Amino acid sequence: MKNTELKSFLKKEVFKTNRLTMRSLNRGGASLNYKISLENKSLLLKVLPLSKRARGENLLLIYQNLGMIENLASANLCAPTKSDFLLFKDYILIFMDFIEGRRMEIKDLCPHELSQIIQNEIILSRAVFQKTDFIAKPLTPQNLFENTLDRLQKIKQTSFLLFYQKRIFEILQNIFENAPQINKSPCLIHGDTGPNNFILNKQSKLFFIDFEMIRYGQLSEDLAQFLLSPLLQHSIWFFNQKKFIESVMFFNNSFDLSFNDWLYGVSIYFLRLANRRLSSPKILKSPRKAWLFYKHLQKYEKILKLLKTLY
């Protein structure tokens, strides 16, 4: 698909104006994202291939239901696709609010932003959708471990990851064996709370974006990913223990989270990370990415020790 063709279609068929600019943003999973600027507003356009129609329909259902949740700081579907998506050639077009701001960073892990995370998580966890068949079921350590193990065992002899295979297996087995059983009822969670899915506007208001991974699960899964993604991924050698401890304690003041709750969330985070990384062709072909992945998994033991000091 050519951007010029898409832009022409938007001008002539959708918004019927020449006063429109289109800027490509980061690629999000299976979709291409664009900022559409009109005279009086800006929209986010998600473009998915028609082969992903089922995914597009699920995404519409998610955002239609999110739009009915009061006080949740997130993007909503907007005109011209309030109840349906548009088709352009072999693609699906979905329009949402565009939130002006910047992506969240490690420096933003302070009480003001953490309080907004708490508020949004509480609202989301209590939300009731009219239909739930399109929402993913809870992940379990066992399923994640089995899928990850299957991918680990299929590593080819030519992969750079083969050098770390045995040690990675030992770490993953340790994570799985330490993962506790949680008897709490699952609730709605965002499902992908990495720093890229939070936007801070100029008024320091924090918005949740990209709800494609929304599912049922434990609150600690969202909170653990929220803390570990920025604190681990941006530096292999340095891990801000103080930030982690302060943030855990801050969350504990609002939620009744036990050691097992946090350990469960941390376990899901590392097993999901391994599952995603082992499915990426890049990590199998790059010695640096293979090494970084291994070093990242090694941080599990440090996180475990820090949690034990808090309880």
C-alpha atoms as a PDB file:
ATOM      1  CA  MET A   1       0.000   0.000   0.000  1.00  0.00           C
ATOM      2  CA  LYS A   2       1.331   3.418  -0.970  1.00  0.00           C
ATOM      3  CA  ASN A   3       0.915   6.255   1.507  1.00  0.00           C
ATOM      4  CA  THR A   4       0.033   8.633  -1.328  1.00  0.00           C
ATOM      5  CA  GLU A   5      -2.904   6.442  -2.353  1.00  0.00           C
ATOM      6  CA  LEU A   6      -4.157   6.195   1.207  1.00  0.00           C
ATOM      7  CA  LYS A   7      -3.862   9.941   1.725  1.00  0.00           C
ATOM      8  CA  SER A   8      -5.794  10.604  -1.482  1.00  0.00           C
ATOM      9  CA  PHE A   9      -8.536   8.198  -0.376  1.00  0.00           C
ATOM     10  CA  LEU A  10      -8.840   9.943   3.000  1.00  0.00           C
ATOM     11  CA  LYS A  11      -9.046  13.373   1.400  1.00  0.00           C
ATOM     12  CA  LYS A  12     -11.605  12.490  -1.268  1.00  0.00           C
ATOM     13  CA  GLU A  13     -13.733   9.722   0.222  1.00  0.00           C
ATOM     14  CA  VAL A  14     -13.538  10.005   4.008  1.00  0.00           C
ATOM     15  CA  PHE A  15     -13.024  13.590   5.167  1.00  0.00           C
ATOM     16  CA  LYS A  16     -13.738  15.367   1.850  1.00  0.00           C
ATOM     17  CA  THR A  17     -11.108  18.033   2.386  1.00  0.00           C
ATOM     18  CA  ASN A  18      -7.693  18.879   1.024  1.00  0.00           C
ATOM     19  CA  ARG A  19      -6.610  20.274   4.378  1.00  0.00           C
ATOM     20  CA  LEU A  20      -5.288  16.996   5.669  1.00  0.00           C
ATOM     21  CA  THR A  21      -1.786  15.850   6.556  1.00  0.00           C
ATOM     22  CA  MET A  22      -0.696  12.297   7.289  1.00  0.00           C
ATOM     23  CA  ARG A  23       2.404  11.250   9.228  1.00  0.00           C
ATOM     24  CA  SER A  24       3.598   7.693   9.707  1.00  0.00           C
ATOM     25  CA  LEU A  25       4.120   6.606  13.312  1.00  0.00           C
ATOM     26  CA  ASN A  26       5.655   3.475  14.794  1.00  0.00           C
ATOM     27  CA  ARG A  27       4.492   0.117  13.570  1.00  0.00           C
ATOM     28  CA  GLY A  28       2.267  -1.584  16.174  1.00  0.00           C
ATOM     29  CA  GLY A  29       2.256  -5.355  15.890  1.00  0.00           C
ATOM     30  CA  ALA A  30       0.206  -6.256  12.808  1.00  0.00           C
ATOM     31  CA  SER A  31      -0.905  -2.674  12.179  1.00  0.00           C
ATOM     32  CA  LEU A  32       0.525   0.467  10.619  1.00  0.00           C
ATOM     33  CA  ASN A  33      -0.192   3.654  12.578  1.00  0.00           C
ATOM     34  CA  TYR A  34      -0.616   7.174  11.214  1.00  0.00           C
ATOM     35  CA  LYS A  35      -1.352  10.585  12.673  1.00  0.00           C
ATOM     36  CA  ILE A  36      -4.072  12.287  10.633  1.00  0.00           C
ATOM     37  CA  SER A  37      -4.179  16.068  11.143  1.00  0.00           C
ATOM     38  CA  LEU A  38      -7.296  17.989  10.127  1.00  0.00           C
ATOM     39  CA  GLU A  39      -8.181  21.652  10.597  1.00  0.00           C
ATOM     40  CA  ASN A  40      -9.572  21.302  14.100  1.00  0.00           C
ATOM     41  CA  LYS A  41      -8.439  17.893  15.384  1.00  0.00           C
ATOM     42  CA  SER A  42      -5.980  15.026  15.052  1.00  0.00           C
ATOM     43  CA  LEU A  43      -6.818  11.338  14.743  1.00  0.00           C
ATOM     44  CA  LEU A  44      -4.895   8.109  15.068  1.00  0.00           C
ATOM     45  CA  LEU A  45      -5.370   5.781  12.111  1.00  0.00           C
ATOM     46  CA  LYS A  46      -4.642   2.079  12.499  1.00  0.00           C
ATOM     47  CA  VAL A  47      -4.285   0.149   9.252  1.00  0.00           C
ATOM     48  CA  LEU A  48      -4.532  -3.635   9.324  1.00  0.00           C
ATOM     49  CA  PRO A  49      -4.362  -6.095   6.416  1.00  0.00           C
ATOM     50  CA  LEU A  50      -7.711  -7.602   5.469  1.00  0.00           C
ATOM     51  CA  SER A  51      -6.327 -11.007   6.458  1.00  0.00           C
ATOM     52  CA  LYS A  52      -6.452  -9.671  10.043  1.00  0.00           C
ATOM     53  CA  ARG A  53     -10.151  -8.827   9.804  1.00  0.00           C
ATOM     54  CA  ALA A  54     -11.033 -10.889  12.890  1.00  0.00           C
ATOM     55  CA  ARG A  55      -8.399  -8.998  14.851  1.00  0.00           C
ATOM     56  CA  GLY A  56      -9.783  -5.704  13.564  1.00  0.00           C
ATOM     57  CA  GLU A  57     -13.315  -6.653  14.608  1.00  0.00           C
ATOM     58  CA  ASN A  58     -12.067  -7.585  18.074  1.00  0.00           C
ATOM     59  CA  LEU A  59     -10.249  -4.271  18.325  1.00  0.00           C
ATOM     60  CA  LEU A  60     -13.445  -2.410  17.444  1.00  0.00           C
ATOM     61  CA  LEU A  61     -15.389  -4.279  20.121  1.00  0.00           C
ATOM     62  CA  ILE A  62     -12.699  -3.520  22.692  1.00  0.00           C
ATOM     63  CA  TYR A  63     -12.697   0.231  21.997  1.00  0.00           C
ATOM     64  CA  GLN A  64     -16.482   0.443  21.759  1.00  0.00           C
ATOM     65  CA  ASN A  65     -16.710  -1.051  25.243  1.00  0.00           C
ATOM     66  CA  LEU A  66     -13.864   1.065  26.587  1.00  0.00           C
ATOM     67  CA  GLY A  67     -15.715   4.147  25.390  1.00  0.00           C
ATOM     68  CA  MET A  68     -18.530   3.341  27.823  1.00  0.00           C
ATOM     69  CA  ILE A  69     -16.195   3.267  30.845  1.00  0.00           C
ATOM     70  CA  GLU A  70     -16.305   6.546  32.724  1.00  0.00           C
ATOM     71  CA  ASN A  71     -13.075   8.293  33.771  1.00  0.00           C
ATOM     72  CA  LEU A  72     -10.739   5.839  32.044  1.00  0.00           C
ATOM     73  CA  ALA A  73      -7.962   7.944  30.547  1.00  0.00           C
ATOM     74  CA  SER A  74      -7.574   6.273  27.157  1.00  0.00           C
ATOM     75  CA  ALA A  75      -8.150   6.826  23.450  1.00  0.00           C
ATOM     76  CA  ASN A  76     -11.623   6.115  22.063  1.00  0.00           C
ATOM     77  CA  LEU A  77     -12.995   5.291  18.635  1.00  0.00           C
ATOM     78  CA  CYS A  78     -14.044   8.405  16.787  1.00  0.00           C
ATOM     79  CA  ALA A  79     -15.717   9.526  13.546  1.00  0.00           C
ATOM     80  CA  PRO A  80     -15.970   8.348  10.860  1.00  0.00           C
ATOM     81  CA  THR A  81     -15.831   4.820  12.276  1.00  0.00           C
ATOM     82  CA  LYS A  82     -18.010   4.933  15.361  1.00  0.00           C
ATOM     83  CA  SER A  83     -19.483   1.485  14.836  1.00  0.00           C
ATOM     84  CA  ASP A  84     -17.620  -0.038  11.925  1.00  0.00           C
ATOM     85  CA  PHE A  85     -14.295   0.123  10.103  1.00  0.00           C
ATOM     86  CA  LEU A  86     -13.614   1.374   6.601  1.00  0.00           C
ATOM     87  CA  LEU A  87     -12.156  -0.767   3.852  1.00  0.00           C
ATOM     88  CA  PHE A  88      -9.417   0.507   1.560  1.00  0.00           C
ATOM     89  CA  LYS A  89      -8.164  -1.990  -1.022  1.00  0.00           C
ATOM     90  CA  ASP A  90      -6.916  -4.973   1.027  1.00  0.00           C
ATOM     91  CA  TYR A  91      -6.798  -3.060   4.302  1.00  0.00           C
ATOM     92  CA  ILE A  92      -8.983  -2.175   7.279  1.00  0.00           C
ATOM     93  CA  LEU A  93      -8.978   1.421   8.567  1.00  0.00           C
ATOM     94  CA  ILE A  94      -9.797   2.179  12.201  1.00  0.00           C
ATOM     95  CA  PHE A  95      -9.820   5.748  13.579  1.00  0.00           C
ATOM     96  CA  MET A  96      -9.267   6.764  17.201  1.00  0.00           C
ATOM     97  CA  ASP A  97      -8.513   9.850  19.243  1.00  0.00           C
ATOM     98  CA  PHE A  98      -4.925  10.998  18.863  1.00  0.00           C
ATOM     99  CA  ILE A  99      -3.412  11.862  22.228  1.00  0.00           C
ATOM    100  CA  GLU A 100      -0.741  14.545  22.056  1.00  0.00           C
ATOM    101  CA  GLY A 101       2.144  13.879  24.405  1.00  0.00           C
ATOM    102  CA  ARG A 102       5.243  11.784  24.921  1.00  0.00           C
ATOM    103  CA  ARG A 103       5.956   8.190  25.810  1.00  0.00           C
ATOM    104  CA  MET A 104       6.572   7.363  29.429  1.00  0.00           C
ATOM    105  CA  GLU A 105      10.177   7.081  30.661  1.00  0.00           C
ATOM    106  CA  ILE A 106      11.958   5.743  33.739  1.00  0.00           C
ATOM    107  CA  LYS A 107      12.162   9.254  35.200  1.00  0.00           C
ATOM    108  CA  ASP A 108       8.347   9.322  35.249  1.00  0.00           C
ATOM    109  CA  LEU A 109       8.117   6.599  37.913  1.00  0.00           C
ATOM    110  CA  CYS A 110       7.089   9.049  40.628  1.00  0.00           C
ATOM    111  CA  PRO A 111       4.019   9.324  42.918  1.00  0.00           C
ATOM    112  CA  HIS A 112       1.982  11.553  40.581  1.00  0.00           C
ATOM    113  CA  GLU A 113       2.221   9.164  37.630  1.00  0.00           C
ATOM    114  CA  LEU A 114       1.958   6.032  39.775  1.00  0.00           C
ATOM    115  CA  SER A 115      -1.253   7.393  41.304  1.00  0.00           C
ATOM    116  CA  GLN A 116      -2.726   7.745  37.819  1.00  0.00           C
ATOM    117  CA  ILE A 117      -1.736   4.171  36.994  1.00  0.00           C
ATOM    118  CA  ILE A 118      -3.538   3.032  40.150  1.00  0.00           C
ATOM    119  CA  GLN A 119      -6.656   5.018  39.271  1.00  0.00           C
ATOM    120  CA  ASN A 120      -6.833   3.641  35.728  1.00  0.00           C
ATOM    121  CA  GLU A 121      -6.162   0.074  36.856  1.00  0.00           C
ATOM    122  CA  ILE A 122      -8.941   0.258  39.436  1.00  0.00           C
ATOM    123  CA  ILE A 123     -11.419   1.611  36.875  1.00  0.00           C
ATOM    124  CA  LEU A 124     -10.444  -1.043  34.330  1.00  0.00           C
ATOM    125  CA  SER A 125     -10.539  -3.926  36.822  1.00  0.00           C
ATOM    126  CA  ARG A 126     -14.092  -3.008  37.824  1.00  0.00           C
ATOM    127  CA  ALA A 127     -15.341  -2.533  34.268  1.00  0.00           C
ATOM    128  CA  VAL A 128     -18.156  -4.728  32.977  1.00  0.00           C
ATOM    129  CA  PHE A 129     -18.325  -5.308  29.226  1.00  0.00           C
ATOM    130  CA  GLN A 130     -21.642  -6.131  27.582  1.00  0.00           C
ATOM    131  CA  LYS A 131     -20.006  -9.046  25.790  1.00  0.00           C
ATOM    132  CA  THR A 132     -16.853 -10.841  26.831  1.00  0.00           C
ATOM    133  CA  ASP A 133     -16.333 -13.548  24.210  1.00  0.00           C
ATOM    134  CA  PHE A 134     -13.785 -11.369  22.367  1.00  0.00           C
ATOM    135  CA  ILE A 135     -11.593 -10.874  25.459  1.00  0.00           C
ATOM    136  CA  ALA A 136      -8.640 -13.200  25.877  1.00  0.00           C
ATOM    137  CA  LYS A 137      -8.686 -15.670  28.752  1.00  0.00           C
ATOM    138  CA  PRO A 138      -6.109 -15.545  31.578  1.00  0.00           C
ATOM    139  CA  LEU A 139      -2.549 -16.632  30.907  1.00  0.00           C
ATOM    140  CA  THR A 140      -1.098 -19.322  33.146  1.00  0.00           C
ATOM    141  CA  PRO A 141       2.544 -20.025  34.045  1.00  0.00           C
ATOM    142  CA  GLN A 142       2.112 -23.630  32.907  1.00  0.00           C
ATOM    143  CA  ASN A 143       0.842 -22.771  29.418  1.00  0.00           C
ATOM    144  CA  LEU A 144       3.468 -20.086  28.952  1.00  0.00           C
ATOM    145  CA  PHE A 145       6.236 -22.399  30.165  1.00  0.00           C
ATOM    146  CA  GLU A 146       5.142 -25.230  27.870  1.00  0.00           C
ATOM    147  CA  ASN A 147       4.933 -22.934  24.820  1.00  0.00           C
ATOM    148  CA  THR A 148       8.291 -21.358  25.613  1.00  0.00           C
ATOM    149  CA  LEU A 149       9.927 -24.728  26.183  1.00  0.00           C
ATOM    150  CA  ASP A 150       8.608 -25.980  22.860  1.00  0.00           C
ATOM    151  CA  ARG A 151      10.140 -22.990  21.069  1.00  0.00           C
ATOM    152  CA  LEU A 152      13.412 -23.335  22.950  1.00  0.00           C
ATOM    153  CA  GLN A 153      13.747 -26.975  21.935  1.00  0.00           C
ATOM    154  CA  LYS A 154      13.182 -26.113  18.263  1.00  0.00           C
ATOM    155  CA  ILE A 155      16.189 -23.799  18.074  1.00  0.00           C
ATOM    156  CA  LYS A 156      18.231 -24.654  15.008  1.00  0.00           C
ATOM    157  CA  GLN A 157      21.887 -25.562  15.108  1.00  0.00           C
ATOM    158  CA  THR A 158      22.701 -22.366  13.207  1.00  0.00           C
ATOM    159  CA  SER A 159      21.138 -20.092  15.837  1.00  0.00           C
ATOM    160  CA  PHE A 160      23.372 -18.006  18.096  1.00  0.00           C
ATOM    161  CA  LEU A 161      20.884 -18.707  20.890  1.00  0.00           C
ATOM    162  CA  LEU A 162      21.976 -22.348  20.922  1.00  0.00           C
ATOM    163  CA  PHE A 163      25.004 -21.359  23.037  1.00  0.00           C
ATOM    164  CA  TYR A 164      22.682 -20.230  25.881  1.00  0.00           C
ATOM    165  CA  GLN A 165      20.003 -22.880  25.401  1.00  0.00           C
ATOM    166  CA  LYS A 166      20.783 -24.989  28.488  1.00  0.00           C
ATOM    167  CA  ARG A 167      21.172 -21.995  30.806  1.00  0.00           C
ATOM    168  CA  ILE A 168      17.993 -20.367  29.496  1.00  0.00           C
ATOM    169  CA  PHE A 169      16.089 -23.601  30.112  1.00  0.00           C
ATOM    170  CA  GLU A 170      17.345 -23.702  33.724  1.00  0.00           C
ATOM    171  CA  ILE A 171      16.221 -20.116  34.341  1.00  0.00           C
ATOM    172  CA  LEU A 172      12.792 -20.708  32.797  1.00  0.00           C
ATOM    173  CA  GLN A 173      12.303 -23.896  34.780  1.00  0.00           C
ATOM    174  CA  ASN A 174      13.193 -22.022  37.974  1.00  0.00           C
ATOM    175  CA  ILE A 175      10.684 -19.271  37.133  1.00  0.00           C
ATOM    176  CA  PHE A 176       7.943 -21.812  36.437  1.00  0.00           C
ATOM    177  CA  GLU A 177       8.610 -23.845  39.600  1.00  0.00           C
ATOM    178  CA  ASN A 178       8.584 -20.698  41.759  1.00  0.00           C
ATOM    179  CA  ALA A 179       5.349 -19.347  40.259  1.00  0.00           C
ATOM    180  CA  PRO A 180       2.654 -19.544  42.959  1.00  0.00           C
ATOM    181  CA  GLN A 181      -0.972 -20.568  42.617  1.00  0.00           C
ATOM    182  CA  ILE A 182      -3.303 -17.566  42.819  1.00  0.00           C
ATOM    183  CA  ASN A 183      -6.858 -18.105  44.028  1.00  0.00           C
ATOM    184  CA  LYS A 184      -8.107 -14.567  43.417  1.00  0.00           C
ATOM    185  CA  SER A 185     -10.761 -14.103  40.744  1.00  0.00           C
ATOM    186  CA  PRO A 186      -9.331 -12.656  37.509  1.00  0.00           C
ATOM    187  CA  CYS A 187     -10.296  -9.133  36.469  1.00  0.00           C
ATOM    188  CA  LEU A 188      -9.884  -7.047  33.323  1.00  0.00           C
ATOM    189  CA  ILE A 189      -6.297  -5.925  32.808  1.00  0.00           C
ATOM    190  CA  HIS A 190      -4.579  -3.939  30.070  1.00  0.00           C
ATOM    191  CA  GLY A 191      -2.282  -6.856  29.220  1.00  0.00           C
ATOM    192  CA  ASP A 192       0.579  -4.859  27.687  1.00  0.00           C
ATOM    193  CA  THR A 193       1.673  -2.175  30.143  1.00  0.00           C
ATOM    194  CA  GLY A 194       5.119  -1.451  28.727  1.00  0.00           C
ATOM    195  CA  PRO A 195       6.232   2.209  28.700  1.00  0.00           C
ATOM    196  CA  ASN A 196       5.309   2.599  25.014  1.00  0.00           C
ATOM    197  CA  ASN A 197       1.642   2.162  25.890  1.00  0.00           C
ATOM    198  CA  PHE A 198       1.442   5.168  28.188  1.00  0.00           C
ATOM    199  CA  ILE A 199       1.264   8.757  26.981  1.00  0.00           C
ATOM    200  CA  LEU A 200       1.916  11.803  29.181  1.00  0.00           C
ATOM    201  CA  ASN A 201       0.370  15.000  27.867  1.00  0.00           C
ATOM    202  CA  LYS A 202       1.546  18.532  28.619  1.00  0.00           C
ATOM    203  CA  GLN A 203      -0.647  18.642  31.718  1.00  0.00           C
ATOM    204  CA  SER A 204       1.097  15.483  33.031  1.00  0.00           C
ATOM    205  CA  LYS A 205      -2.073  13.447  32.609  1.00  0.00           C
ATOM    206  CA  LEU A 206      -1.326   9.796  31.926  1.00  0.00           C
ATOM    207  CA  PHE A 207      -3.263   7.935  29.228  1.00  0.00           C
ATOM    208  CA  PHE A 208      -3.511   4.202  28.559  1.00  0.00           C
ATOM    209  CA  ILE A 209      -3.247   3.367  24.851  1.00  0.00           C
ATOM    210  CA  ASP A 210      -3.199   0.217  22.693  1.00  0.00           C
ATOM    211  CA  PHE A 211      -5.677  -2.136  24.367  1.00  0.00           C
ATOM    212  CA  GLU A 212      -5.237  -4.901  21.780  1.00  0.00           C
ATOM    213  CA  MET A 213      -3.895  -7.265  24.465  1.00  0.00           C
ATOM    214  CA  ILE A 214      -6.677  -6.640  26.982  1.00  0.00           C
ATOM    215  CA  ARG A 215      -7.594  -9.835  28.804  1.00  0.00           C
ATOM    216  CA  TYR A 216      -8.609 -11.324  32.098  1.00  0.00           C
ATOM    217  CA  GLY A 217      -5.804 -11.795  34.577  1.00  0.00           C
ATOM    218  CA  GLN A 218      -4.332 -10.672  37.872  1.00  0.00           C
ATOM    219  CA  LEU A 219      -3.700  -7.014  38.649  1.00  0.00           C
ATOM    220  CA  SER A 220      -0.104  -7.826  39.581  1.00  0.00           C
ATOM    221  CA  GLU A 221       0.572  -8.856  35.960  1.00  0.00           C
ATOM    222  CA  ASP A 222      -0.047  -5.297  34.735  1.00  0.00           C
ATOM    223  CA  LEU A 223       1.873  -3.736  37.618  1.00  0.00           C
ATOM    224  CA  ALA A 224       4.876  -6.049  37.278  1.00  0.00           C
ATOM    225  CA  GLN A 225       5.176  -5.418  33.545  1.00  0.00           C
ATOM    226  CA  PHE A 226       4.750  -1.688  34.087  1.00  0.00           C
ATOM    227  CA  LEU A 227       7.717  -1.642  36.484  1.00  0.00           C
ATOM    228  CA  LEU A 228       9.996  -4.217  34.895  1.00  0.00           C
ATOM    229  CA  SER A 229       9.739  -3.153  31.253  1.00  0.00           C
ATOM    230  CA  PRO A 230      11.349   0.297  31.649  1.00  0.00           C
ATOM    231  CA  LEU A 231      13.668  -0.688  34.508  1.00  0.00           C
ATOM    232  CA  LEU A 232      15.121  -3.713  32.734  1.00  0.00           C
ATOM    233  CA  GLN A 233      14.880  -3.238  29.015  1.00  0.00           C
ATOM    234  CA  HIS A 234      16.740   0.048  28.776  1.00  0.00           C
ATOM    235  CA  SER A 235      19.800  -1.171  30.616  1.00  0.00           C
ATOM    236  CA  ILE A 236      21.254  -4.629  31.065  1.00  0.00           C
ATOM    237  CA  TRP A 237      24.006  -3.691  33.492  1.00  0.00           C
ATOM    238  CA  PHE A 238      22.098  -1.204  35.602  1.00  0.00           C
ATOM    239  CA  PHE A 239      18.859  -1.942  37.413  1.00  0.00           C
ATOM    240  CA  ASN A 240      17.338   0.782  39.558  1.00  0.00           C
ATOM    241  CA  GLN A 241      16.605  -1.193  42.720  1.00  0.00           C
ATOM    242  CA  LYS A 242      15.506   1.906  44.615  1.00  0.00           C
ATOM    243  CA  LYS A 243      12.898   2.814  41.997  1.00  0.00           C
ATOM    244  CA  PHE A 244      11.577  -0.729  41.965  1.00  0.00           C
ATOM    245  CA  ILE A 245      11.263  -0.980  45.762  1.00  0.00           C
ATOM    246  CA  GLU A 246       9.669   2.468  46.101  1.00  0.00           C
ATOM    247  CA  SER A 247       7.159   1.710  43.344  1.00  0.00           C
ATOM    248  CA  VAL A 248       6.201  -1.687  44.784  1.00  0.00           C
ATOM    249  CA  MET A 249       5.636  -0.122  48.201  1.00  0.00           C
ATOM    250  CA  PHE A 250       3.606   2.698  46.633  1.00  0.00           C
ATOM    251  CA  PHE A 251       1.350   0.207  44.839  1.00  0.00           C
ATOM    252  CA  ASN A 252       1.028  -1.842  48.027  1.00  0.00           C
ATOM    253  CA  ASN A 253      -0.469   1.185  49.794  1.00  0.00           C
ATOM    254  CA  SER A 254      -3.408   1.046  47.375  1.00  0.00           C
ATOM    255  CA  PHE A 255      -3.719  -2.662  46.629  1.00  0.00           C
ATOM    256  CA  ASP A 256      -3.662  -5.622  48.989  1.00  0.00           C
ATOM    257  CA  LEU A 257      -0.811  -7.385  47.189  1.00  0.00           C
ATOM    258  CA  SER A 258       1.061 -10.213  48.884  1.00  0.00           C
ATOM    259  CA  PHE A 259       4.507 -11.574  48.063  1.00  0.00           C
ATOM    260  CA  ASN A 260       2.810 -14.321  46.031  1.00  0.00           C
ATOM    261  CA  ASP A 261       0.806 -11.744  44.063  1.00  0.00           C
ATOM    262  CA  TRP A 262       3.966  -9.937  43.009  1.00  0.00           C
ATOM    263  CA  LEU A 263       5.847 -13.175  42.364  1.00  0.00           C
ATOM    264  CA  TYR A 264       3.011 -14.337  40.113  1.00  0.00           C
ATOM    265  CA  GLY A 265       3.089 -11.087  38.126  1.00  0.00           C
ATOM    266  CA  VAL A 266       6.881 -11.229  37.809  1.00  0.00           C
ATOM    267  CA  SER A 267       6.729 -14.878  36.685  1.00  0.00           C
ATOM    268  CA  ILE A 268       4.167 -14.097  33.984  1.00  0.00           C
ATOM    269  CA  TYR A 269       6.295 -11.165  32.813  1.00  0.00           C
ATOM    270  CA  PHE A 270       9.478 -13.223  32.335  1.00  0.00           C
ATOM    271  CA  LEU A 271       7.689 -16.204  30.767  1.00  0.00           C
ATOM    272  CA  ARG A 272       5.850 -13.934  28.325  1.00  0.00           C
ATOM    273  CA  LEU A 273       9.093 -12.177  27.516  1.00  0.00           C
ATOM    274  CA  ALA A 274      10.774 -15.490  26.729  1.00  0.00           C
ATOM    275  CA  ASN A 275       7.802 -16.629  24.670  1.00  0.00           C
ATOM    276  CA  ARG A 276       7.883 -13.490  22.520  1.00  0.00           C
ATOM    277  CA  ARG A 277      11.661 -13.365  22.134  1.00  0.00           C
ATOM    278  CA  LEU A 278      11.959 -17.004  21.081  1.00  0.00           C
ATOM    279  CA  SER A 279       9.394 -16.441  18.332  1.00  0.00           C
ATOM    280  CA  SER A 280      11.437 -13.576  16.858  1.00  0.00           C
ATOM    281  CA  PRO A 281      13.715 -14.423  13.893  1.00  0.00           C
ATOM    282  CA  LYS A 282      16.009 -11.509  14.844  1.00  0.00           C
ATOM    283  CA  ILE A 283      17.054 -13.018  18.152  1.00  0.00           C
ATOM    284  CA  LEU A 284      17.983 -16.291  16.465  1.00  0.00           C
ATOM    285  CA  LYS A 285      20.259 -14.581  13.929  1.00  0.00           C
ATOM    286  CA  SER A 286      21.947 -11.934  16.086  1.00  0.00           C
ATOM    287  CA  PRO A 287      24.644 -12.847  18.657  1.00  0.00           C
ATOM    288  CA  ARG A 288      24.078  -9.542  20.456  1.00  0.00           C
ATOM    289  CA  LYS A 289      20.298  -9.992  20.743  1.00  0.00           C
ATOM    290  CA  ALA A 290      20.743 -13.588  21.907  1.00  0.00           C
ATOM    291  CA  TRP A 291      23.164 -12.453  24.604  1.00  0.00           C
ATOM    292  CA  LEU A 292      20.912  -9.561  25.698  1.00  0.00           C
ATOM    293  CA  PHE A 293      17.962 -11.920  25.997  1.00  0.00           C
ATOM    294  CA  TYR A 294      19.959 -14.266  28.204  1.00  0.00           C
ATOM    295  CA  LYS A 295      21.196 -11.383  30.421  1.00  0.00           C
ATOM    296  CA  HIS A 296      17.650 -10.083  30.704  1.00  0.00           C
ATOM    297  CA  LEU A 297      16.362 -13.435  31.984  1.00  0.00           C
ATOM    298  CA  GLN A 298      19.155 -13.516  34.572  1.00  0.00           C
ATOM    299  CA  LYS A 299      17.590 -10.471  36.247  1.00  0.00           C
ATOM    300  CA  TYR A 300      14.775 -12.692  37.533  1.00  0.00           C
ATOM    301  CA  GLU A 301      16.868 -13.797  40.515  1.00  0.00           C
ATOM    302  CA  LYS A 302      17.620 -10.205  41.470  1.00  0.00           C
ATOM    303  CA  ILE A 303      13.917  -9.288  41.343  1.00  0.00           C
ATOM    304  CA  LEU A 304      13.076 -12.328  43.460  1.00  0.00           C
ATOM    305  CA  LYS A 305      15.597 -11.310  46.152  1.00  0.00           C
ATOM    306  CA  LEU A 306      14.279  -7.742  46.196  1.00  0.00           C
ATOM    307  CA  LEU A 307      10.709  -8.935  46.719  1.00  0.00           C
ATOM    308  CA  LYS A 308      11.836 -11.156  49.592  1.00  0.00           C
ATOM    309  CA  THR A 309      13.433  -8.157  51.327  1.00  0.00           C
ATOM    310  CA  LEU A 310      10.066  -6.353  51.206  1.00  0.00           C
ATOM    311  CA  TYR A 311       8.131  -9.208  52.771  1.00  0.00           C
END
